[in-house]
Amino acid sequence: MSAAPEVPPLSRVRAVLEERGVRPRKRLGQHFLADRSLLRRMVDEAGLRPGDVVLEVGPGPGTLTAELLSRGARVLAVEVDPAMIGVLRALVGEPPRLTLVQADILAGPVRGLPPEVGRALEGALAEARQESYALVSNLPYQVAATLLARLFWTTAPERAVVTVQREVAERLAAAPGTRAYGPVGVLVQLQADVRAAFRMPPRAFWPSPKVDSACVVLGRRAPDARVARLGKELVEEVVHAVFRARRKRLGNSLALAFGGRLDQGRLRAAFAEKKLEKDRRGEQLAPMEIVELALLLEQGGILRGPRDA
C-alpha cells in the first residue's frame, strides 16, 4: 500500500489558496474542517477498514480526504468547484486510492447519483471487490438534507458520517411531536438509524460559519416490505401531506394537501374501522405510522391518482 498524504495544516491550505488566487465561496458552502482532532474523531465514527470505499462530497482542499486516505480508504471525492480540485491536488497529490470527479452531486436524476459519479462509484466498488460504501463528508449546508434523503432512498451507503448545520442534525434525528420533527427527518429515518454524535463549534472550520455544526451518524436500515411496496413517490407525497398543516387535525391536513383526490367519506369510515384518532396531528405520527397511513390511503381507495382527480 502506498504512503498516504499527510493532513495539510490550515496554514498550508491558506497559502495554497492564496498562491492560486482561490477564495472560499460562501455560495457553495465552503467552510473547511480545520480541527485535526475533530477530523480524527469524525473518521473514527465511520469505523473504516483498509480498502473500504468512501464517497466524500465537497472535499474542498482535502483535509478530510487526507485523513480518510491515512486510514487506508479508497476515496471517491466529488467536488463541484474546479478551482478547488486544483487546490486539493496541490495539497494531497494524486495517490492511487483517490478518484476525483468534478460534478454537482444533486445534478443527477432524483432517484440517484449523477451518471459520472455513479460510474465512478461502481468502478471503485468493483476494483475493491465490495458491495457497499460509506459516505464520509463535511457536507455543504445547502445540499446536506436533500442529499441524505436522496441517497438513503436510492444508492444507500452502509454507513454515513457527515457534518451538517446543527439545525439540520436536529431535524434528522427529531422524535415525533418535537419542534424539529418534519418531512426530512421522517424520510431519512425510514431508511436509516440516525444519531447526532457530537457538536462542532464554528471555530473548528475555516472560514468560520455563523452557526454551530454537528457530526451525524446514519446506519442503513434493513428494507421494510411495506415501504418497498408503496415506493418512494407515494411515501414522500403522504409525508409532505401530513406536515402540510402540521398544527391541524390529520383529516384536515390530508384534505388540504390532496383536495379532490381524497375521498373524505371513505377516509372517515377507514378511521372509524381502524380506530384511528382522526383528531391527532400529523406531527405526532411516528415514521412507520405515516407509512401505515399511506397503506390505508392506497388500499382503501381513499386517495385517487392525479389523473383520476
C-alpha atoms as a PDB file:
ATOM      1  CA  MET A   1       0.000   0.000   0.000  1.00  0.00           C
ATOM      2  CA  SER A   2       1.404   3.405  -0.998  1.00  0.00           C
ATOM      3  CA  ALA A   3       2.036   6.022   1.660  1.00  0.00           C
ATOM      4  CA  ALA A   4      -0.945   8.271   2.326  1.00  0.00           C
ATOM      5  CA  PRO A   5      -0.571  12.045   2.205  1.00  0.00           C
ATOM      6  CA  GLU A   6      -0.409  13.914   5.492  1.00  0.00           C
ATOM      7  CA  VAL A   7      -3.347  16.091   6.516  1.00  0.00           C
ATOM      8  CA  PRO A   8      -2.364  19.606   5.421  1.00  0.00           C
ATOM      9  CA  PRO A   9      -2.341  22.183   8.240  1.00  0.00           C
ATOM     10  CA  LEU A  10      -4.544  25.245   7.887  1.00  0.00           C
ATOM     11  CA  SER A  11      -1.502  27.454   7.276  1.00  0.00           C
ATOM     12  CA  ARG A  12      -0.595  25.367   4.229  1.00  0.00           C
ATOM     13  CA  VAL A  13      -4.199  25.345   2.982  1.00  0.00           C
ATOM     14  CA  ARG A  14      -4.395  29.122   3.177  1.00  0.00           C
ATOM     15  CA  ALA A  15      -1.017  29.534   1.473  1.00  0.00           C
ATOM     16  CA  VAL A  16      -2.010  27.352  -1.497  1.00  0.00           C
ATOM     17  CA  LEU A  17      -5.350  29.122  -1.840  1.00  0.00           C
ATOM     18  CA  GLU A  18      -3.573  32.476  -1.869  1.00  0.00           C
ATOM     19  CA  GLU A  19      -0.966  31.291  -4.375  1.00  0.00           C
ATOM     20  CA  ARG A  20      -3.722  30.197  -6.747  1.00  0.00           C
ATOM     21  CA  GLY A  21      -5.970  33.189  -6.172  1.00  0.00           C
ATOM     22  CA  VAL A  22      -8.777  30.993  -4.886  1.00  0.00           C
ATOM     23  CA  ARG A  23     -11.139  32.100  -2.145  1.00  0.00           C
ATOM     24  CA  PRO A  24     -13.699  30.017  -0.275  1.00  0.00           C
ATOM     25  CA  ARG A  25     -17.086  30.597  -1.868  1.00  0.00           C
ATOM     26  CA  LYS A  26     -19.947  31.189   0.527  1.00  0.00           C
ATOM     27  CA  ARG A  27     -22.445  30.322  -2.213  1.00  0.00           C
ATOM     28  CA  LEU A  28     -21.005  26.802  -2.324  1.00  0.00           C
ATOM     29  CA  GLY A  29     -20.923  26.437   1.449  1.00  0.00           C
ATOM     30  CA  GLN A  30     -17.138  26.215   1.521  1.00  0.00           C
ATOM     31  CA  HIS A  31     -16.318  26.095   5.233  1.00  0.00           C
ATOM     32  CA  PHE A  32     -13.414  23.698   5.584  1.00  0.00           C
ATOM     33  CA  LEU A  33     -12.993  21.465   8.628  1.00  0.00           C
ATOM     34  CA  ALA A  34      -9.636  22.513  10.062  1.00  0.00           C
ATOM     35  CA  ASP A  35      -9.663  20.991  13.558  1.00  0.00           C
ATOM     36  CA  ARG A  36      -7.454  17.892  13.341  1.00  0.00           C
ATOM     37  CA  SER A  37      -8.872  16.275  16.478  1.00  0.00           C
ATOM     38  CA  LEU A  38     -12.423  16.569  15.116  1.00  0.00           C
ATOM     39  CA  LEU A  39     -11.273  15.199  11.765  1.00  0.00           C
ATOM     40  CA  ARG A  40      -9.912  12.123  13.518  1.00  0.00           C
ATOM     41  CA  ARG A  41     -12.990  11.780  15.691  1.00  0.00           C
ATOM     42  CA  MET A  42     -15.254  12.004  12.679  1.00  0.00           C
ATOM     43  CA  VAL A  43     -13.381   9.305  10.765  1.00  0.00           C
ATOM     44  CA  ASP A  44     -13.275   7.147  13.900  1.00  0.00           C
ATOM     45  CA  GLU A  45     -17.098   7.191  13.862  1.00  0.00           C
ATOM     46  CA  ALA A  46     -17.035   5.674  10.368  1.00  0.00           C
ATOM     47  CA  GLY A  47     -15.255   2.521  11.595  1.00  0.00           C
ATOM     48  CA  LEU A  48     -13.349   2.148   8.334  1.00  0.00           C
ATOM     49  CA  ARG A  49     -11.166  -0.793   7.397  1.00  0.00           C
ATOM     50  CA  PRO A  50      -8.275  -0.590   4.914  1.00  0.00           C
ATOM     51  CA  GLY A  51      -9.645  -0.787   1.391  1.00  0.00           C
ATOM     52  CA  ASP A  52     -13.153   0.401   2.243  1.00  0.00           C
ATOM     53  CA  VAL A  53     -14.761   2.572  -0.436  1.00  0.00           C
ATOM     54  CA  VAL A  54     -15.708   6.042   0.767  1.00  0.00           C
ATOM     55  CA  LEU A  55     -17.738   8.666  -1.050  1.00  0.00           C
ATOM     56  CA  GLU A  56     -16.723  12.172   0.006  1.00  0.00           C
ATOM     57  CA  VAL A  57     -18.901  15.049  -1.165  1.00  0.00           C
ATOM     58  CA  GLY A  58     -17.409  18.536  -1.148  1.00  0.00           C
ATOM     59  CA  PRO A  59     -13.794  17.687  -0.227  1.00  0.00           C
ATOM     60  CA  GLY A  60     -12.586  21.278  -0.611  1.00  0.00           C
ATOM     61  CA  PRO A  61      -8.806  21.465  -0.083  1.00  0.00           C
ATOM     62  CA  GLY A  62      -8.650  17.835   1.077  1.00  0.00           C
ATOM     63  CA  THR A  63      -8.109  17.859   4.839  1.00  0.00           C
ATOM     64  CA  LEU A  64     -10.740  15.172   5.407  1.00  0.00           C
ATOM     65  CA  THR A  65      -9.646  13.429   2.206  1.00  0.00           C
ATOM     66  CA  ALA A  66      -6.110  13.061   3.549  1.00  0.00           C
ATOM     67  CA  GLU A  67      -7.377  11.736   6.882  1.00  0.00           C
ATOM     68  CA  LEU A  68      -9.502   9.132   5.067  1.00  0.00           C
ATOM     69  CA  LEU A  69      -6.546   8.075   2.924  1.00  0.00           C
ATOM     70  CA  SER A  70      -4.390   7.768   6.035  1.00  0.00           C
ATOM     71  CA  ARG A  71      -6.839   5.105   7.284  1.00  0.00           C
ATOM     72  CA  GLY A  72      -6.389   3.080   4.087  1.00  0.00           C
ATOM     73  CA  ALA A  73      -9.714   4.049   2.497  1.00  0.00           C
ATOM     74  CA  ARG A  74     -10.334   4.153  -1.238  1.00  0.00           C
ATOM     75  CA  VAL A  75     -11.824   7.633  -1.665  1.00  0.00           C
ATOM     76  CA  LEU A  76     -14.149   8.891  -4.388  1.00  0.00           C
ATOM     77  CA  ALA A  77     -14.213  12.673  -3.901  1.00  0.00           C
ATOM     78  CA  VAL A  78     -16.902  14.687  -5.702  1.00  0.00           C
ATOM     79  CA  GLU A  79     -16.258  18.406  -5.945  1.00  0.00           C
ATOM     80  CA  VAL A  80     -18.361  20.940  -7.864  1.00  0.00           C
ATOM     81  CA  ASP A  81     -15.722  23.708  -7.883  1.00  0.00           C
ATOM     82  CA  PRO A  82     -12.966  23.145 -10.496  1.00  0.00           C
ATOM     83  CA  ALA A  83     -10.663  25.650  -8.798  1.00  0.00           C
ATOM     84  CA  MET A  84     -10.877  23.689  -5.550  1.00  0.00           C
ATOM     85  CA  ILE A  85      -9.969  20.472  -7.351  1.00  0.00           C
ATOM     86  CA  GLY A  86      -6.691  22.102  -8.345  1.00  0.00           C
ATOM     87  CA  VAL A  87      -6.090  23.122  -4.732  1.00  0.00           C
ATOM     88  CA  LEU A  88      -6.824  19.595  -3.494  1.00  0.00           C
ATOM     89  CA  ARG A  89      -4.384  18.083  -5.969  1.00  0.00           C
ATOM     90  CA  ALA A  90      -1.703  20.563  -4.913  1.00  0.00           C
ATOM     91  CA  LEU A  91      -2.175  19.675  -1.244  1.00  0.00           C
ATOM     92  CA  VAL A  92      -2.940  15.956  -1.387  1.00  0.00           C
ATOM     93  CA  GLY A  93      -1.432  14.905  -4.712  1.00  0.00           C
ATOM     94  CA  GLU A  94      -2.881  12.121  -6.813  1.00  0.00           C
ATOM     95  CA  PRO A  95      -2.465   8.914  -4.789  1.00  0.00           C
ATOM     96  CA  PRO A  96      -3.793   5.747  -6.456  1.00  0.00           C
ATOM     97  CA  ARG A  97      -6.563   5.284  -3.897  1.00  0.00           C
ATOM     98  CA  LEU A  98      -8.071   8.696  -4.675  1.00  0.00           C
ATOM     99  CA  THR A  99     -10.519   9.350  -7.524  1.00  0.00           C
ATOM    100  CA  LEU A 100     -11.594  12.939  -8.123  1.00  0.00           C
ATOM    101  CA  VAL A 101     -14.780  13.745 -10.022  1.00  0.00           C
ATOM    102  CA  GLN A 102     -15.931  17.264 -10.828  1.00  0.00           C
ATOM    103  CA  ALA A 103     -19.723  17.223 -10.568  1.00  0.00           C
ATOM    104  CA  ASP A 104     -22.722  18.710  -8.832  1.00  0.00           C
ATOM    105  CA  ILE A 105     -23.865  15.847  -6.605  1.00  0.00           C
ATOM    106  CA  LEU A 106     -27.513  16.934  -6.931  1.00  0.00           C
ATOM    107  CA  ALA A 107     -27.444  17.401 -10.711  1.00  0.00           C
ATOM    108  CA  GLY A 108     -28.307  13.787 -11.427  1.00  0.00           C
ATOM    109  CA  PRO A 109     -31.733  12.151 -11.531  1.00  0.00           C
ATOM    110  CA  VAL A 110     -33.897  12.433  -8.444  1.00  0.00           C
ATOM    111  CA  ARG A 111     -33.546   8.688  -7.949  1.00  0.00           C
ATOM    112  CA  GLY A 112     -29.771   8.536  -7.898  1.00  0.00           C
ATOM    113  CA  LEU A 113     -26.337   9.964  -8.385  1.00  0.00           C
ATOM    114  CA  PRO A 114     -25.127  11.928 -11.423  1.00  0.00           C
ATOM    115  CA  PRO A 115     -24.096   9.419 -14.120  1.00  0.00           C
ATOM    116  CA  GLU A 116     -20.366  10.173 -13.907  1.00  0.00           C
ATOM    117  CA  VAL A 117     -20.424   9.768 -10.132  1.00  0.00           C
ATOM    118  CA  GLY A 118     -22.445   6.555 -10.360  1.00  0.00           C
ATOM    119  CA  ARG A 119     -19.978   5.074 -12.850  1.00  0.00           C
ATOM    120  CA  ALA A 120     -17.004   6.060 -10.694  1.00  0.00           C
ATOM    121  CA  LEU A 121     -18.609   4.550  -7.600  1.00  0.00           C
ATOM    122  CA  GLU A 122     -19.404   1.311  -9.416  1.00  0.00           C
ATOM    123  CA  GLY A 123     -15.810   1.169 -10.659  1.00  0.00           C
ATOM    124  CA  ALA A 124     -14.372   1.742  -7.193  1.00  0.00           C
ATOM    125  CA  LEU A 125     -16.585  -0.960  -5.673  1.00  0.00           C
ATOM    126  CA  ALA A 126     -15.682  -3.417  -8.419  1.00  0.00           C
ATOM    127  CA  GLU A 127     -11.967  -2.733  -8.034  1.00  0.00           C
ATOM    128  CA  ALA A 128     -12.212  -3.135  -4.261  1.00  0.00           C
ATOM    129  CA  ARG A 129     -14.456  -6.217  -4.662  1.00  0.00           C
ATOM    130  CA  GLN A 130     -17.005  -4.708  -2.310  1.00  0.00           C
ATOM    131  CA  GLU A 131     -20.766  -4.297  -2.453  1.00  0.00           C
ATOM    132  CA  SER A 132     -21.225  -1.334  -0.135  1.00  0.00           C
ATOM    133  CA  TYR A 133     -19.643   2.016   0.557  1.00  0.00           C
ATOM    134  CA  ALA A 134     -19.521   4.641   3.290  1.00  0.00           C
ATOM    135  CA  LEU A 135     -20.353   8.320   2.964  1.00  0.00           C
ATOM    136  CA  VAL A 136     -17.951  10.467   5.000  1.00  0.00           C
ATOM    137  CA  SER A 137     -18.219  14.172   4.245  1.00  0.00           C
ATOM    138  CA  ASN A 138     -18.122  17.685   5.549  1.00  0.00           C
ATOM    139  CA  LEU A 139     -21.291  18.437   3.605  1.00  0.00           C
ATOM    140  CA  PRO A 140     -22.035  21.907   2.242  1.00  0.00           C
ATOM    141  CA  TYR A 141     -25.002  23.128   4.269  1.00  0.00           C
ATOM    142  CA  GLN A 142     -27.248  23.752   1.272  1.00  0.00           C
ATOM    143  CA  VAL A 143     -27.085  20.166  -0.053  1.00  0.00           C
ATOM    144  CA  ALA A 144     -26.974  18.138   3.161  1.00  0.00           C
ATOM    145  CA  ALA A 145     -30.618  17.328   3.890  1.00  0.00           C
ATOM    146  CA  THR A 146     -31.597  16.802   0.252  1.00  0.00           C
ATOM    147  CA  LEU A 147     -28.578  14.598  -0.455  1.00  0.00           C
ATOM    148  CA  LEU A 148     -29.102  12.358   2.570  1.00  0.00           C
ATOM    149  CA  ALA A 149     -32.802  11.905   1.840  1.00  0.00           C
ATOM    150  CA  ARG A 150     -31.970  11.053  -1.772  1.00  0.00           C
ATOM    151  CA  LEU A 151     -29.072   8.673  -1.118  1.00  0.00           C
ATOM    152  CA  PHE A 152     -30.766   6.609   1.552  1.00  0.00           C
ATOM    153  CA  TRP A 153     -33.738   6.016  -0.760  1.00  0.00           C
ATOM    154  CA  THR A 154     -31.588   5.047  -3.751  1.00  0.00           C
ATOM    155  CA  THR A 155     -27.899   4.080  -3.744  1.00  0.00           C
ATOM    156  CA  ALA A 156     -27.741   3.972   0.044  1.00  0.00           C
ATOM    157  CA  PRO A 157     -24.397   3.860   1.847  1.00  0.00           C
ATOM    158  CA  GLU A 158     -23.943   1.218   4.513  1.00  0.00           C
ATOM    159  CA  ARG A 159     -22.961   3.996   6.895  1.00  0.00           C
ATOM    160  CA  ALA A 160     -22.734   7.769   6.718  1.00  0.00           C
ATOM    161  CA  VAL A 161     -20.770  10.142   8.926  1.00  0.00           C
ATOM    162  CA  VAL A 162     -21.361  13.736   7.943  1.00  0.00           C
ATOM    163  CA  THR A 163     -21.079  17.252   9.286  1.00  0.00           C
ATOM    164  CA  VAL A 164     -24.201  19.337   8.907  1.00  0.00           C
ATOM    165  CA  GLN A 165     -25.643  22.515  10.344  1.00  0.00           C
ATOM    166  CA  ARG A 166     -26.783  21.796  13.909  1.00  0.00           C
ATOM    167  CA  GLU A 167     -30.364  22.677  12.991  1.00  0.00           C
ATOM    168  CA  VAL A 168     -30.274  20.053  10.227  1.00  0.00           C
ATOM    169  CA  ALA A 169     -28.855  17.492  12.654  1.00  0.00           C
ATOM    170  CA  GLU A 170     -31.767  18.152  14.998  1.00  0.00           C
ATOM    171  CA  ARG A 171     -34.246  17.720  12.150  1.00  0.00           C
ATOM    172  CA  LEU A 172     -32.672  14.456  11.009  1.00  0.00           C
ATOM    173  CA  ALA A 173     -32.800  12.887  14.474  1.00  0.00           C
ATOM    174  CA  ALA A 174     -36.017  14.506  15.735  1.00  0.00           C
ATOM    175  CA  ALA A 175     -38.692  12.494  17.527  1.00  0.00           C
ATOM    176  CA  PRO A 176     -42.451  12.795  16.830  1.00  0.00           C
ATOM    177  CA  GLY A 177     -44.125  15.754  18.484  1.00  0.00           C
ATOM    178  CA  THR A 178     -40.961  17.804  18.787  1.00  0.00           C
ATOM    179  CA  ARG A 179     -40.445  21.154  17.134  1.00  0.00           C
ATOM    180  CA  ALA A 180     -37.696  19.881  14.820  1.00  0.00           C
ATOM    181  CA  TYR A 181     -39.701  16.877  13.578  1.00  0.00           C
ATOM    182  CA  GLY A 182     -40.647  17.153   9.919  1.00  0.00           C
ATOM    183  CA  PRO A 183     -40.583  15.591   6.430  1.00  0.00           C
ATOM    184  CA  VAL A 184     -36.795  15.366   6.055  1.00  0.00           C
ATOM    185  CA  GLY A 185     -36.378  13.578   9.363  1.00  0.00           C
ATOM    186  CA  VAL A 186     -39.185  11.140   8.591  1.00  0.00           C
ATOM    187  CA  LEU A 187     -37.888  10.265   5.129  1.00  0.00           C
ATOM    188  CA  VAL A 188     -34.353   9.691   6.384  1.00  0.00           C
ATOM    189  CA  GLN A 189     -35.439   7.753   9.490  1.00  0.00           C
ATOM    190  CA  LEU A 190     -37.495   5.367   7.350  1.00  0.00           C
ATOM    191  CA  GLN A 191     -34.250   4.256   5.707  1.00  0.00           C
ATOM    192  CA  ALA A 192     -31.584   4.847   8.350  1.00  0.00           C
ATOM    193  CA  ASP A 193     -30.910   4.850  12.060  1.00  0.00           C
ATOM    194  CA  VAL A 194     -29.827   8.383  12.936  1.00  0.00           C
ATOM    195  CA  ARG A 195     -27.613   9.555  15.776  1.00  0.00           C
ATOM    196  CA  ALA A 196     -26.268  13.027  16.441  1.00  0.00           C
ATOM    197  CA  ALA A 197     -22.719  12.188  17.562  1.00  0.00           C
ATOM    198  CA  PHE A 198     -21.163  15.475  18.694  1.00  0.00           C
ATOM    199  CA  ARG A 199     -21.315  19.228  18.208  1.00  0.00           C
ATOM    200  CA  MET A 200     -18.732  21.164  16.236  1.00  0.00           C
ATOM    201  CA  PRO A 201     -18.211  24.863  17.024  1.00  0.00           C
ATOM    202  CA  PRO A 202     -17.712  27.488  14.313  1.00  0.00           C
ATOM    203  CA  ARG A 203     -14.005  27.799  15.193  1.00  0.00           C
ATOM    204  CA  ALA A 204     -13.479  24.196  14.004  1.00  0.00           C
ATOM    205  CA  PHE A 205     -13.957  25.442  10.435  1.00  0.00           C
ATOM    206  CA  TRP A 206     -12.286  27.969   8.190  1.00  0.00           C
ATOM    207  CA  PRO A 207     -13.782  30.346   7.276  1.00  0.00           C
ATOM    208  CA  SER A 208     -15.894  30.087  10.417  1.00  0.00           C
ATOM    209  CA  PRO A 209     -19.634  29.790   9.734  1.00  0.00           C
ATOM    210  CA  LYS A 210     -22.098  31.820  11.784  1.00  0.00           C
ATOM    211  CA  VAL A 211     -23.815  28.724  13.141  1.00  0.00           C
ATOM    212  CA  ASP A 212     -22.865  25.606  15.070  1.00  0.00           C
ATOM    213  CA  SER A 213     -22.441  22.325  13.247  1.00  0.00           C
ATOM    214  CA  ALA A 214     -22.799  18.704  14.291  1.00  0.00           C
ATOM    215  CA  CYS A 215     -21.476  15.321  13.259  1.00  0.00           C
ATOM    216  CA  VAL A 216     -24.324  12.944  12.440  1.00  0.00           C
ATOM    217  CA  VAL A 217     -24.005   9.175  12.053  1.00  0.00           C
ATOM    218  CA  LEU A 218     -26.501   7.259   9.934  1.00  0.00           C
ATOM    219  CA  GLY A 219     -26.673   3.500   9.519  1.00  0.00           C
ATOM    220  CA  ARG A 220     -28.665   1.919   6.715  1.00  0.00           C
ATOM    221  CA  ARG A 221     -31.749   0.065   7.919  1.00  0.00           C
ATOM    222  CA  ALA A 222     -32.935  -3.279   6.602  1.00  0.00           C
ATOM    223  CA  PRO A 223     -35.548  -2.777   3.856  1.00  0.00           C
ATOM    224  CA  ASP A 224     -39.154  -2.727   5.042  1.00  0.00           C
ATOM    225  CA  ALA A 225     -41.612  -4.579   2.812  1.00  0.00           C
ATOM    226  CA  ARG A 226     -44.375  -2.020   3.410  1.00  0.00           C
ATOM    227  CA  VAL A 227     -42.144   0.877   2.412  1.00  0.00           C
ATOM    228  CA  ALA A 228     -40.865  -1.015  -0.630  1.00  0.00           C
ATOM    229  CA  ARG A 229     -44.398  -1.826  -1.757  1.00  0.00           C
ATOM    230  CA  LEU A 230     -45.552   1.785  -1.588  1.00  0.00           C
ATOM    231  CA  GLY A 231     -42.458   3.244  -3.248  1.00  0.00           C
ATOM    232  CA  LYS A 232     -40.666   6.472  -2.542  1.00  0.00           C
ATOM    233  CA  GLU A 233     -43.040   8.699  -4.515  1.00  0.00           C
ATOM    234  CA  LEU A 234     -46.210   7.788  -2.621  1.00  0.00           C
ATOM    235  CA  VAL A 235     -44.481   7.693   0.772  1.00  0.00           C
ATOM    236  CA  GLU A 236     -42.932  11.091   0.139  1.00  0.00           C
ATOM    237  CA  GLU A 237     -46.261  12.503  -1.016  1.00  0.00           C
ATOM    238  CA  VAL A 238     -48.050  11.334   2.127  1.00  0.00           C
ATOM    239  CA  VAL A 239     -45.224  12.509   4.384  1.00  0.00           C
ATOM    240  CA  HIS A 240     -45.414  16.013   2.955  1.00  0.00           C
ATOM    241  CA  ALA A 241     -49.222  15.936   3.146  1.00  0.00           C
ATOM    242  CA  VAL A 242     -49.134  15.055   6.842  1.00  0.00           C
ATOM    243  CA  PHE A 243     -46.938  18.073   7.544  1.00  0.00           C
ATOM    244  CA  ARG A 244     -48.715  20.396   5.111  1.00  0.00           C
ATOM    245  CA  ALA A 245     -50.542  21.977   8.055  1.00  0.00           C
ATOM    246  CA  ARG A 246     -48.789  20.395  10.997  1.00  0.00           C
ATOM    247  CA  ARG A 247     -50.974  22.031  13.645  1.00  0.00           C
ATOM    248  CA  LYS A 248     -54.231  20.925  12.056  1.00  0.00           C
ATOM    249  CA  ARG A 249     -56.044  17.672  12.686  1.00  0.00           C
ATOM    250  CA  LEU A 250     -54.820  14.844  10.492  1.00  0.00           C
ATOM    251  CA  GLY A 251     -58.005  14.632   8.425  1.00  0.00           C
ATOM    252  CA  ASN A 252     -57.901  18.361   7.725  1.00  0.00           C
ATOM    253  CA  SER A 253     -54.218  18.226   6.753  1.00  0.00           C
ATOM    254  CA  LEU A 254     -54.898  15.440   4.253  1.00  0.00           C
ATOM    255  CA  ALA A 255     -57.885  17.278   2.801  1.00  0.00           C
ATOM    256  CA  LEU A 256     -55.831  20.435   2.405  1.00  0.00           C
ATOM    257  CA  ALA A 257     -52.966  18.582   0.736  1.00  0.00           C
ATOM    258  CA  PHE A 258     -54.912  16.280  -1.588  1.00  0.00           C
ATOM    259  CA  GLY A 259     -58.078  18.251  -2.315  1.00  0.00           C
ATOM    260  CA  GLY A 260     -60.381  16.461  -4.734  1.00  0.00           C
ATOM    261  CA  ARG A 261     -58.123  13.408  -4.885  1.00  0.00           C
ATOM    262  CA  LEU A 262     -59.198  12.466  -1.376  1.00  0.00           C
ATOM    263  CA  ASP A 263     -62.434  10.544  -0.781  1.00  0.00           C
ATOM    264  CA  GLN A 264     -63.310  12.004   2.603  1.00  0.00           C
ATOM    265  CA  GLY A 265     -66.239   9.672   3.167  1.00  0.00           C
ATOM    266  CA  ARG A 266     -64.030   6.627   2.813  1.00  0.00           C
ATOM    267  CA  LEU A 267     -61.382   8.307   4.932  1.00  0.00           C
ATOM    268  CA  ARG A 268     -63.824   8.826   7.814  1.00  0.00           C
ATOM    269  CA  ALA A 269     -65.029   5.239   7.509  1.00  0.00           C
ATOM    270  CA  ALA A 270     -61.474   3.907   7.489  1.00  0.00           C
ATOM    271  CA  PHE A 271     -60.569   5.978  10.523  1.00  0.00           C
ATOM    272  CA  ALA A 272     -63.575   4.549  12.367  1.00  0.00           C
ATOM    273  CA  GLU A 273     -62.869   0.961  11.286  1.00  0.00           C
ATOM    274  CA  LYS A 274     -59.196   1.132  12.239  1.00  0.00           C
ATOM    275  CA  LYS A 275     -59.998   3.066  15.418  1.00  0.00           C
ATOM    276  CA  LEU A 276     -57.598   5.783  14.391  1.00  0.00           C
ATOM    277  CA  GLU A 277     -57.666   9.084  16.191  1.00  0.00           C
ATOM    278  CA  LYS A 278     -58.756  11.493  13.487  1.00  0.00           C
ATOM    279  CA  ASP A 279     -58.029  14.380  15.843  1.00  0.00           C
ATOM    280  CA  ARG A 280     -54.329  13.566  16.026  1.00  0.00           C
ATOM    281  CA  ARG A 281     -51.953  15.969  14.342  1.00  0.00           C
ATOM    282  CA  GLY A 282     -49.572  14.791  11.673  1.00  0.00           C
ATOM    283  CA  GLU A 283     -46.553  15.880  13.647  1.00  0.00           C
ATOM    284  CA  GLN A 284     -47.460  13.317  16.311  1.00  0.00           C
ATOM    285  CA  LEU A 285     -47.184  10.326  13.961  1.00  0.00           C
ATOM    286  CA  ALA A 286     -44.033   8.203  14.070  1.00  0.00           C
ATOM    287  CA  PRO A 287     -42.405   7.446  10.681  1.00  0.00           C
ATOM    288  CA  MET A 288     -43.887   3.944  10.408  1.00  0.00           C
ATOM    289  CA  GLU A 289     -47.318   5.254  11.424  1.00  0.00           C
ATOM    290  CA  ILE A 290     -47.147   7.535   8.388  1.00  0.00           C
ATOM    291  CA  VAL A 291     -46.290   4.506   6.254  1.00  0.00           C
ATOM    292  CA  GLU A 292     -49.327   2.696   7.680  1.00  0.00           C
ATOM    293  CA  LEU A 293     -51.429   5.736   6.824  1.00  0.00           C
ATOM    294  CA  ALA A 294     -50.114   5.661   3.257  1.00  0.00           C
ATOM    295  CA  LEU A 295     -51.046   1.978   3.013  1.00  0.00           C
ATOM    296  CA  LEU A 296     -54.533   2.787   4.269  1.00  0.00           C
ATOM    297  CA  LEU A 297     -54.967   5.540   1.691  1.00  0.00           C
ATOM    298  CA  GLU A 298     -53.797   3.263  -1.103  1.00  0.00           C
ATOM    299  CA  GLN A 299     -55.523   0.017  -0.154  1.00  0.00           C
ATOM    300  CA  GLY A 300     -58.797   1.632   0.824  1.00  0.00           C
ATOM    301  CA  GLY A 301     -59.168   3.507  -2.446  1.00  0.00           C
ATOM    302  CA  ILE A 302     -59.213   6.706  -0.410  1.00  0.00           C
ATOM    303  CA  LEU A 303     -56.598   8.511  -2.476  1.00  0.00           C
ATOM    304  CA  ARG A 304     -57.170   8.725  -6.193  1.00  0.00           C
ATOM    305  CA  GLY A 305     -54.303   9.213  -8.601  1.00  0.00           C
ATOM    306  CA  PRO A 306     -53.707  12.648 -10.148  1.00  0.00           C
ATOM    307  CA  ARG A 307     -55.386  11.598 -13.386  1.00  0.00           C
ATOM    308  CA  ASP A 308     -58.497  10.459 -11.514  1.00  0.00           C
ATOM    309  CA  ALA A 309     -58.935  13.660  -9.511  1.00  0.00           C
END
